[in-house]
Amino acid sequence: MEQEFVDEQAYRRGVPALWNEVRDGIGLALIEFNARLFGLQEATAKDCTSKGQWCLRVLKSVDGSTIEVFIDEAERAVKSAAPLGEPSTVCRYRLKQDRSGLELFTESLDAQRVLSADDACRAALHDFLLKPFPKMFVDSGKIAIL
């Protein structure tokens, strides 16, 4: 029983650091997205509390659409949700083997794969930002039009 209490404390202590990594990953993804679009379709993020303490709302200014990316501590998962949609799990988190902190991971039928926060955030925002794919973007310093 003692180990379960120790592990739970490690999870609780680790979430703020994990959230900082996720928030930074979202910021990096938005910088990359905005740089390719000359500000024509700017996306921004700000803290929100609709899904709890660990939540960011991303706004796409071209159409006013939003998505929230958040940590669900009960399910030990990073999730995303459109305003009227059901949350979907982007990835889960667990204690590292040496119990030094938390790590993000995905599961498939035959394996688990550790993810960086940047990769998790790109996955969370991919469809929101890139479907449909922007018709104009920067390609090798020039404007590309599809």
N, C-alpha and C. Protein backbone atom coordinates (compact mmCIF):
# COMPACT_ATOMS: atom_id res chain seq x y z
N MET A 1 0.81 -1.19 0.00
CA MET A 1 0.00 0.00 0.00
C MET A 1 0.86 1.27 0.00
N GLU A 2 1.97 1.23 0.68
CA GLU A 2 2.81 2.42 0.78
C GLU A 2 3.23 2.92 -0.60
N GLN A 3 3.56 1.99 -1.52
CA GLN A 3 4.02 2.40 -2.85
C GLN A 3 2.93 3.14 -3.62
N GLU A 4 1.66 2.74 -3.45
CA GLU A 4 0.57 3.43 -4.12
C GLU A 4 0.47 4.89 -3.66
N PHE A 5 0.67 5.13 -2.37
CA PHE A 5 0.65 6.49 -1.86
C PHE A 5 1.84 7.30 -2.39
N VAL A 6 2.99 6.69 -2.41
CA VAL A 6 4.19 7.35 -2.93
C VAL A 6 3.99 7.69 -4.41
N ASP A 7 3.46 6.73 -5.17
CA ASP A 7 3.21 6.98 -6.60
C ASP A 7 2.19 8.09 -6.81
N GLU A 8 1.13 8.09 -6.04
CA GLU A 8 0.11 9.13 -6.18
C GLU A 8 0.70 10.51 -5.90
N GLN A 9 1.54 10.60 -4.89
CA GLN A 9 2.21 11.87 -4.61
C GLN A 9 3.09 12.29 -5.79
N ALA A 10 3.77 11.34 -6.39
CA ALA A 10 4.63 11.64 -7.54
C ALA A 10 3.80 12.14 -8.72
N TYR A 11 2.63 11.53 -8.95
CA TYR A 11 1.74 12.02 -10.01
C TYR A 11 1.32 13.46 -9.72
N ARG A 12 0.88 13.72 -8.52
CA ARG A 12 0.40 15.07 -8.16
C ARG A 12 1.52 16.11 -8.27
N ARG A 13 2.71 15.75 -7.86
CA ARG A 13 3.84 16.67 -7.97
C ARG A 13 4.27 16.87 -9.42
N GLY A 14 4.07 15.85 -10.25
CA GLY A 14 4.55 15.91 -11.63
C GLY A 14 3.65 16.63 -12.61
N VAL A 15 2.37 16.76 -12.31
CA VAL A 15 1.44 17.37 -13.26
C VAL A 15 1.80 18.81 -13.60
N PRO A 16 2.16 19.67 -12.65
CA PRO A 16 2.51 21.05 -13.05
C PRO A 16 3.66 21.11 -14.05
N ALA A 17 4.70 20.31 -13.86
CA ALA A 17 5.82 20.31 -14.80
C ALA A 17 5.38 19.75 -16.15
N LEU A 18 4.57 18.71 -16.15
CA LEU A 18 4.05 18.14 -17.39
C LEU A 18 3.21 19.19 -18.12
N TRP A 19 2.37 19.91 -17.38
CA TRP A 19 1.53 20.93 -18.00
C TRP A 19 2.39 22.03 -18.62
N ASN A 20 3.47 22.42 -17.97
CA ASN A 20 4.36 23.42 -18.55
C ASN A 20 4.92 22.95 -19.88
N GLU A 21 5.28 21.67 -19.97
CA GLU A 21 5.78 21.11 -21.22
C GLU A 21 4.69 21.12 -22.29
N VAL A 22 3.47 20.74 -21.91
CA VAL A 22 2.36 20.72 -22.87
C VAL A 22 2.06 22.15 -23.34
N ARG A 23 1.97 23.09 -22.41
CA ARG A 23 1.68 24.48 -22.79
C ARG A 23 2.77 25.01 -23.71
N ASP A 24 4.04 24.71 -23.42
CA ASP A 24 5.13 25.14 -24.29
C ASP A 24 5.02 24.48 -25.67
N GLY A 25 4.64 23.21 -25.70
CA GLY A 25 4.47 22.50 -26.97
C GLY A 25 3.37 23.10 -27.82
N ILE A 26 2.28 23.51 -27.19
CA ILE A 26 1.20 24.17 -27.93
C ILE A 26 1.71 25.50 -28.48
N GLY A 27 2.43 26.25 -27.66
CA GLY A 27 2.97 27.52 -28.12
C GLY A 27 3.89 27.35 -29.31
N LEU A 28 4.75 26.34 -29.28
CA LEU A 28 5.66 26.08 -30.40
C LEU A 28 4.89 25.70 -31.65
N ALA A 29 3.89 24.84 -31.51
CA ALA A 29 3.08 24.44 -32.67
C ALA A 29 2.39 25.66 -33.29
N LEU A 30 1.90 26.56 -32.47
CA LEU A 30 1.22 27.75 -32.99
C LEU A 30 2.20 28.71 -33.65
N ILE A 31 3.41 28.83 -33.10
CA ILE A 31 4.43 29.66 -33.74
C ILE A 31 4.74 29.12 -35.13
N GLU A 32 4.92 27.79 -35.24
CA GLU A 32 5.22 27.18 -36.53
C GLU A 32 4.07 27.38 -37.51
N PHE A 33 2.84 27.19 -37.05
CA PHE A 33 1.65 27.36 -37.90
C PHE A 33 1.56 28.80 -38.38
N ASN A 34 1.64 29.76 -37.46
CA ASN A 34 1.49 31.17 -37.82
C ASN A 34 2.61 31.64 -38.76
N ALA A 35 3.82 31.13 -38.58
CA ALA A 35 4.94 31.53 -39.43
C ALA A 35 4.71 31.13 -40.88
N ARG A 36 4.03 30.03 -41.10
CA ARG A 36 3.75 29.57 -42.45
C ARG A 36 2.61 30.31 -43.13
N LEU A 37 1.87 31.10 -42.36
CA LEU A 37 0.68 31.74 -42.92
C LEU A 37 0.74 33.26 -42.93
N PHE A 38 1.90 33.86 -42.70
CA PHE A 38 2.04 35.32 -42.72
C PHE A 38 0.99 36.03 -41.88
N GLY A 39 0.47 35.37 -40.86
CA GLY A 39 -0.57 36.00 -40.05
C GLY A 39 -1.92 36.04 -40.72
N LEU A 40 -2.07 35.40 -41.87
CA LEU A 40 -3.35 35.40 -42.57
C LEU A 40 -4.39 34.55 -41.86
N GLN A 41 -3.94 33.57 -41.12
CA GLN A 41 -4.84 32.69 -40.38
C GLN A 41 -4.20 32.45 -39.02
N GLU A 42 -4.12 33.48 -38.23
CA GLU A 42 -3.42 33.41 -36.96
C GLU A 42 -4.16 32.53 -35.96
N ALA A 43 -3.40 31.78 -35.21
CA ALA A 43 -3.95 30.96 -34.12
C ALA A 43 -3.27 31.40 -32.83
N THR A 44 -4.05 31.52 -31.77
CA THR A 44 -3.53 31.94 -30.47
C THR A 44 -4.06 31.00 -29.40
N ALA A 45 -3.42 31.04 -28.24
CA ALA A 45 -3.85 30.21 -27.12
C ALA A 45 -3.87 31.05 -25.85
N LYS A 46 -4.81 30.74 -24.97
CA LYS A 46 -4.84 31.39 -23.66
C LYS A 46 -5.39 30.39 -22.65
N ASP A 47 -5.01 30.61 -21.40
CA ASP A 47 -5.48 29.75 -20.32
C ASP A 47 -7.00 29.82 -20.22
N CYS A 48 -7.61 28.72 -19.88
CA CYS A 48 -9.04 28.69 -19.62
C CYS A 48 -9.28 27.71 -18.46
N THR A 49 -10.45 27.75 -17.90
CA THR A 49 -10.74 26.87 -16.77
C THR A 49 -11.92 25.95 -17.04
N SER A 50 -12.40 25.90 -18.27
CA SER A 50 -13.60 25.11 -18.54
C SER A 50 -13.39 23.61 -18.31
N LYS A 51 -12.16 23.14 -18.48
CA LYS A 51 -11.88 21.72 -18.28
C LYS A 51 -11.00 21.49 -17.06
N GLY A 52 -10.87 22.50 -16.22
CA GLY A 52 -10.07 22.36 -15.01
C GLY A 52 -8.87 23.28 -15.01
N GLN A 53 -8.01 23.05 -14.07
CA GLN A 53 -6.84 23.90 -13.84
C GLN A 53 -5.84 23.84 -14.98
N TRP A 54 -5.75 22.73 -15.67
CA TRP A 54 -4.72 22.50 -16.68
C TRP A 54 -5.36 22.54 -18.07
N CYS A 55 -5.74 23.72 -18.55
CA CYS A 55 -6.48 23.82 -19.80
C CYS A 55 -6.05 25.06 -20.59
N LEU A 56 -5.90 24.90 -21.90
CA LEU A 56 -5.64 26.00 -22.82
C LEU A 56 -6.70 25.98 -23.91
N ARG A 57 -7.18 27.16 -24.27
CA ARG A 57 -8.13 27.29 -25.39
C ARG A 57 -7.36 27.89 -26.56
N VAL A 58 -7.41 27.21 -27.69
CA VAL A 58 -6.74 27.67 -28.91
C VAL A 58 -7.81 28.24 -29.83
N LEU A 59 -7.56 29.44 -30.33
CA LEU A 59 -8.50 30.15 -31.20
C LEU A 59 -7.88 30.32 -32.58
N LYS A 60 -8.65 29.98 -33.60
CA LYS A 60 -8.24 30.21 -34.99
C LYS A 60 -9.01 31.44 -35.46
N SER A 61 -8.29 32.56 -35.66
CA SER A 61 -8.95 33.84 -35.89
C SER A 61 -9.71 33.90 -37.21
N VAL A 62 -9.31 33.13 -38.21
CA VAL A 62 -9.96 33.22 -39.51
C VAL A 62 -11.45 32.86 -39.45
N ASP A 63 -11.81 31.92 -38.58
CA ASP A 63 -13.22 31.52 -38.50
C ASP A 63 -13.76 31.54 -37.06
N GLY A 64 -12.93 31.93 -36.11
CA GLY A 64 -13.38 32.02 -34.72
C GLY A 64 -13.55 30.68 -34.03
N SER A 65 -13.12 29.61 -34.66
CA SER A 65 -13.27 28.29 -34.04
C SER A 65 -12.26 28.10 -32.93
N THR A 66 -12.61 27.26 -31.97
CA THR A 66 -11.72 27.00 -30.83
C THR A 66 -11.63 25.50 -30.56
N ILE A 67 -10.59 25.16 -29.86
CA ILE A 67 -10.41 23.81 -29.33
C ILE A 67 -9.71 23.97 -27.98
N GLU A 68 -10.01 23.09 -27.08
CA GLU A 68 -9.35 23.11 -25.77
C GLU A 68 -8.46 21.89 -25.64
N VAL A 69 -7.27 22.11 -25.14
CA VAL A 69 -6.33 21.04 -24.86
C VAL A 69 -6.11 21.07 -23.35
N PHE A 70 -6.25 19.90 -22.72
CA PHE A 70 -6.21 19.90 -21.26
C PHE A 70 -5.71 18.57 -20.72
N ILE A 71 -5.32 18.61 -19.45
CA ILE A 71 -4.93 17.39 -18.73
C ILE A 71 -6.12 16.92 -17.92
N ASP A 72 -6.48 15.68 -18.10
CA ASP A 72 -7.53 15.02 -17.31
C ASP A 72 -6.81 14.18 -16.26
N GLU A 73 -6.73 14.71 -15.04
CA GLU A 73 -5.98 14.01 -13.99
C GLU A 73 -6.62 12.70 -13.59
N ALA A 74 -7.94 12.61 -13.65
CA ALA A 74 -8.63 11.38 -13.26
C ALA A 74 -8.27 10.22 -14.19
N GLU A 75 -8.11 10.54 -15.49
CA GLU A 75 -7.76 9.50 -16.46
C GLU A 75 -6.29 9.50 -16.84
N ARG A 76 -5.54 10.41 -16.21
CA ARG A 76 -4.11 10.55 -16.51
C ARG A 76 -3.88 10.61 -18.02
N ALA A 77 -4.51 11.63 -18.62
CA ALA A 77 -4.48 11.77 -20.07
C ALA A 77 -4.42 13.23 -20.47
N VAL A 78 -3.86 13.47 -21.65
CA VAL A 78 -3.97 14.76 -22.32
C VAL A 78 -5.08 14.59 -23.34
N LYS A 79 -6.04 15.51 -23.30
CA LYS A 79 -7.21 15.41 -24.18
C LYS A 79 -7.41 16.72 -24.92
N SER A 80 -8.23 16.64 -25.97
CA SER A 80 -8.65 17.84 -26.68
C SER A 80 -10.15 17.74 -26.90
N ALA A 81 -10.78 18.93 -27.02
CA ALA A 81 -12.23 18.94 -27.22
C ALA A 81 -12.63 20.23 -27.91
N ALA A 82 -13.50 20.10 -28.91
CA ALA A 82 -14.16 21.25 -29.52
C ALA A 82 -15.25 21.69 -28.55
N PRO A 83 -15.73 22.94 -28.66
CA PRO A 83 -16.70 23.44 -27.68
C PRO A 83 -17.92 22.55 -27.44
N LEU A 84 -18.50 21.98 -28.47
CA LEU A 84 -19.69 21.14 -28.28
C LEU A 84 -19.39 19.66 -28.45
N GLY A 85 -18.11 19.32 -28.60
CA GLY A 85 -17.76 17.93 -28.84
C GLY A 85 -17.33 17.20 -27.59
N GLU A 86 -17.31 15.92 -27.71
CA GLU A 86 -16.81 15.06 -26.64
C GLU A 86 -15.28 15.11 -26.64
N PRO A 87 -14.66 15.12 -25.48
CA PRO A 87 -13.20 15.10 -25.44
C PRO A 87 -12.64 13.81 -26.05
N SER A 88 -11.52 13.97 -26.72
CA SER A 88 -10.83 12.79 -27.24
C SER A 88 -9.44 12.74 -26.63
N THR A 89 -8.98 11.54 -26.36
CA THR A 89 -7.67 11.33 -25.74
C THR A 89 -6.59 11.46 -26.79
N VAL A 90 -5.65 12.36 -26.55
CA VAL A 90 -4.49 12.53 -27.42
C VAL A 90 -3.43 11.52 -27.03
N CYS A 91 -3.16 11.43 -25.74
CA CYS A 91 -2.19 10.48 -25.20
C CYS A 91 -2.43 10.38 -23.70
N ARG A 92 -1.72 9.48 -23.08
CA ARG A 92 -1.83 9.31 -21.63
C ARG A 92 -0.48 9.67 -21.01
N TYR A 93 -0.45 9.72 -19.70
CA TYR A 93 0.83 9.95 -19.02
C TYR A 93 0.97 8.95 -17.87
N ARG A 94 2.22 8.71 -17.52
CA ARG A 94 2.54 7.74 -16.45
C ARG A 94 3.85 8.17 -15.80
N LEU A 95 4.15 7.52 -14.70
CA LEU A 95 5.45 7.73 -14.06
C LEU A 95 6.54 7.12 -14.92
N LYS A 96 7.66 7.80 -15.02
CA LYS A 96 8.82 7.21 -15.68
C LYS A 96 9.25 6.00 -14.87
N GLN A 97 9.96 5.09 -15.50
CA GLN A 97 10.38 3.88 -14.81
C GLN A 97 11.16 4.17 -13.55
N ASP A 98 12.00 5.20 -13.58
CA ASP A 98 12.80 5.53 -12.40
C ASP A 98 12.03 6.43 -11.42
N ARG A 99 10.76 6.72 -11.75
CA ARG A 99 9.87 7.53 -10.91
C ARG A 99 10.37 8.96 -10.71
N SER A 100 11.17 9.45 -11.65
CA SER A 100 11.74 10.79 -11.55
C SER A 100 10.81 11.88 -12.07
N GLY A 101 9.71 11.50 -12.67
CA GLY A 101 8.76 12.45 -13.25
C GLY A 101 7.74 11.72 -14.08
N LEU A 102 7.02 12.47 -14.89
CA LEU A 102 5.98 11.89 -15.74
C LEU A 102 6.42 11.91 -17.19
N GLU A 103 5.88 10.97 -17.97
CA GLU A 103 6.14 10.93 -19.40
C GLU A 103 4.83 10.68 -20.13
N LEU A 104 4.75 11.21 -21.34
CA LEU A 104 3.59 11.01 -22.20
C LEU A 104 3.80 9.76 -23.04
N PHE A 105 2.71 9.05 -23.34
CA PHE A 105 2.83 7.86 -24.17
C PHE A 105 1.52 7.58 -24.90
N THR A 106 1.62 6.84 -25.98
CA THR A 106 0.45 6.34 -26.70
C THR A 106 0.48 4.83 -26.66
N GLU A 107 -0.68 4.24 -26.83
CA GLU A 107 -0.80 2.78 -26.84
C GLU A 107 -1.40 2.32 -28.15
N SER A 108 -0.88 1.22 -28.64
CA SER A 108 -1.51 0.54 -29.75
C SER A 108 -1.75 -0.90 -29.30
N LEU A 109 -2.25 -1.73 -30.16
CA LEU A 109 -2.54 -3.11 -29.78
C LEU A 109 -1.30 -3.87 -29.33
N ASP A 110 -0.16 -3.52 -29.91
CA ASP A 110 1.04 -4.31 -29.63
C ASP A 110 2.18 -3.56 -28.93
N ALA A 111 2.00 -2.25 -28.67
CA ALA A 111 3.12 -1.52 -28.08
C ALA A 111 2.67 -0.21 -27.43
N GLN A 112 3.57 0.32 -26.61
CA GLN A 112 3.42 1.66 -26.06
C GLN A 112 4.62 2.46 -26.55
N ARG A 113 4.37 3.73 -26.88
CA ARG A 113 5.43 4.58 -27.41
C ARG A 113 5.46 5.89 -26.64
N VAL A 114 6.63 6.25 -26.12
CA VAL A 114 6.81 7.50 -25.40
C VAL A 114 6.78 8.64 -26.41
N LEU A 115 6.10 9.73 -26.05
CA LEU A 115 5.98 10.91 -26.90
C LEU A 115 6.62 12.11 -26.23
N SER A 116 7.15 13.01 -27.02
CA SER A 116 7.56 14.31 -26.48
C SER A 116 6.30 15.16 -26.34
N ALA A 117 6.36 16.18 -25.52
CA ALA A 117 5.23 17.09 -25.38
C ALA A 117 4.95 17.79 -26.72
N ASP A 118 6.00 18.12 -27.46
CA ASP A 118 5.81 18.77 -28.76
C ASP A 118 5.02 17.87 -29.72
N ASP A 119 5.37 16.58 -29.77
CA ASP A 119 4.65 15.65 -30.64
C ASP A 119 3.21 15.48 -30.20
N ALA A 120 2.98 15.41 -28.90
CA ALA A 120 1.62 15.27 -28.38
C ALA A 120 0.78 16.49 -28.76
N CYS A 121 1.37 17.67 -28.65
CA CYS A 121 0.63 18.89 -28.97
C CYS A 121 0.35 19.02 -30.46
N ARG A 122 1.31 18.62 -31.28
CA ARG A 122 1.05 18.62 -32.74
C ARG A 122 -0.10 17.68 -33.06
N ALA A 123 -0.13 16.53 -32.42
CA ALA A 123 -1.23 15.58 -32.65
C ALA A 123 -2.56 16.17 -32.18
N ALA A 124 -2.55 16.86 -31.04
CA ALA A 124 -3.78 17.45 -30.51
C ALA A 124 -4.34 18.53 -31.43
N LEU A 125 -3.45 19.28 -32.08
CA LEU A 125 -3.88 20.42 -32.88
C LEU A 125 -3.95 20.15 -34.37
N HIS A 126 -3.45 19.02 -34.82
CA HIS A 126 -3.32 18.73 -36.26
C HIS A 126 -4.61 18.96 -37.03
N ASP A 127 -5.65 18.24 -36.70
CA ASP A 127 -6.89 18.36 -37.47
C ASP A 127 -7.52 19.75 -37.34
N PHE A 128 -7.45 20.32 -36.15
CA PHE A 128 -8.02 21.65 -35.92
C PHE A 128 -7.35 22.69 -36.81
N LEU A 129 -6.03 22.65 -36.90
CA LEU A 129 -5.32 23.66 -37.67
C LEU A 129 -5.19 23.35 -39.15
N LEU A 130 -5.14 22.08 -39.50
CA LEU A 130 -4.79 21.72 -40.88
C LEU A 130 -5.89 21.03 -41.68
N LYS A 131 -7.08 20.92 -41.14
CA LYS A 131 -8.19 20.34 -41.92
C LYS A 131 -9.36 21.31 -41.88
N PRO A 132 -9.64 21.96 -42.98
CA PRO A 132 -8.97 21.84 -44.27
C PRO A 132 -7.60 22.52 -44.26
N PHE A 133 -6.76 22.05 -45.16
CA PHE A 133 -5.41 22.59 -45.25
C PHE A 133 -5.49 24.03 -45.77
N PRO A 134 -4.72 24.95 -45.18
CA PRO A 134 -4.76 26.35 -45.64
C PRO A 134 -4.45 26.46 -47.13
N LYS A 135 -5.18 27.32 -47.82
CA LYS A 135 -5.00 27.48 -49.27
C LYS A 135 -3.77 28.29 -49.63
N MET A 136 -3.31 29.15 -48.70
CA MET A 136 -2.10 29.95 -48.93
C MET A 136 -1.15 29.74 -47.75
N PHE A 137 0.13 29.54 -48.06
CA PHE A 137 1.13 29.39 -47.00
C PHE A 137 2.50 29.70 -47.56
N VAL A 138 3.47 29.83 -46.66
CA VAL A 138 4.84 30.13 -47.05
C VAL A 138 5.54 28.83 -47.39
N ASP A 139 6.15 28.79 -48.56
CA ASP A 139 6.93 27.63 -49.00
C ASP A 139 8.26 28.13 -49.52
N SER A 140 9.35 27.85 -48.84
CA SER A 140 10.69 28.29 -49.23
C SER A 140 10.76 29.80 -49.40
N GLY A 141 10.10 30.53 -48.51
CA GLY A 141 10.16 31.99 -48.57
C GLY A 141 9.20 32.63 -49.54
N LYS A 142 8.44 31.83 -50.26
CA LYS A 142 7.47 32.36 -51.23
C LYS A 142 6.07 31.93 -50.84
N ILE A 143 5.09 32.65 -51.31
CA ILE A 143 3.71 32.28 -51.03
C ILE A 143 3.29 31.18 -52.00
N ALA A 144 2.81 30.10 -51.43
CA ALA A 144 2.28 28.98 -52.23
C ALA A 144 0.76 29.05 -52.14
N ILE A 145 0.11 28.89 -53.27
CA ILE A 145 -1.35 28.90 -53.32
C ILE A 145 -1.82 27.57 -53.88
N LEU A 146 -2.70 26.94 -53.15
CA LEU A 146 -3.24 25.65 -53.60
C LEU A 146 -4.52 25.84 -54.39
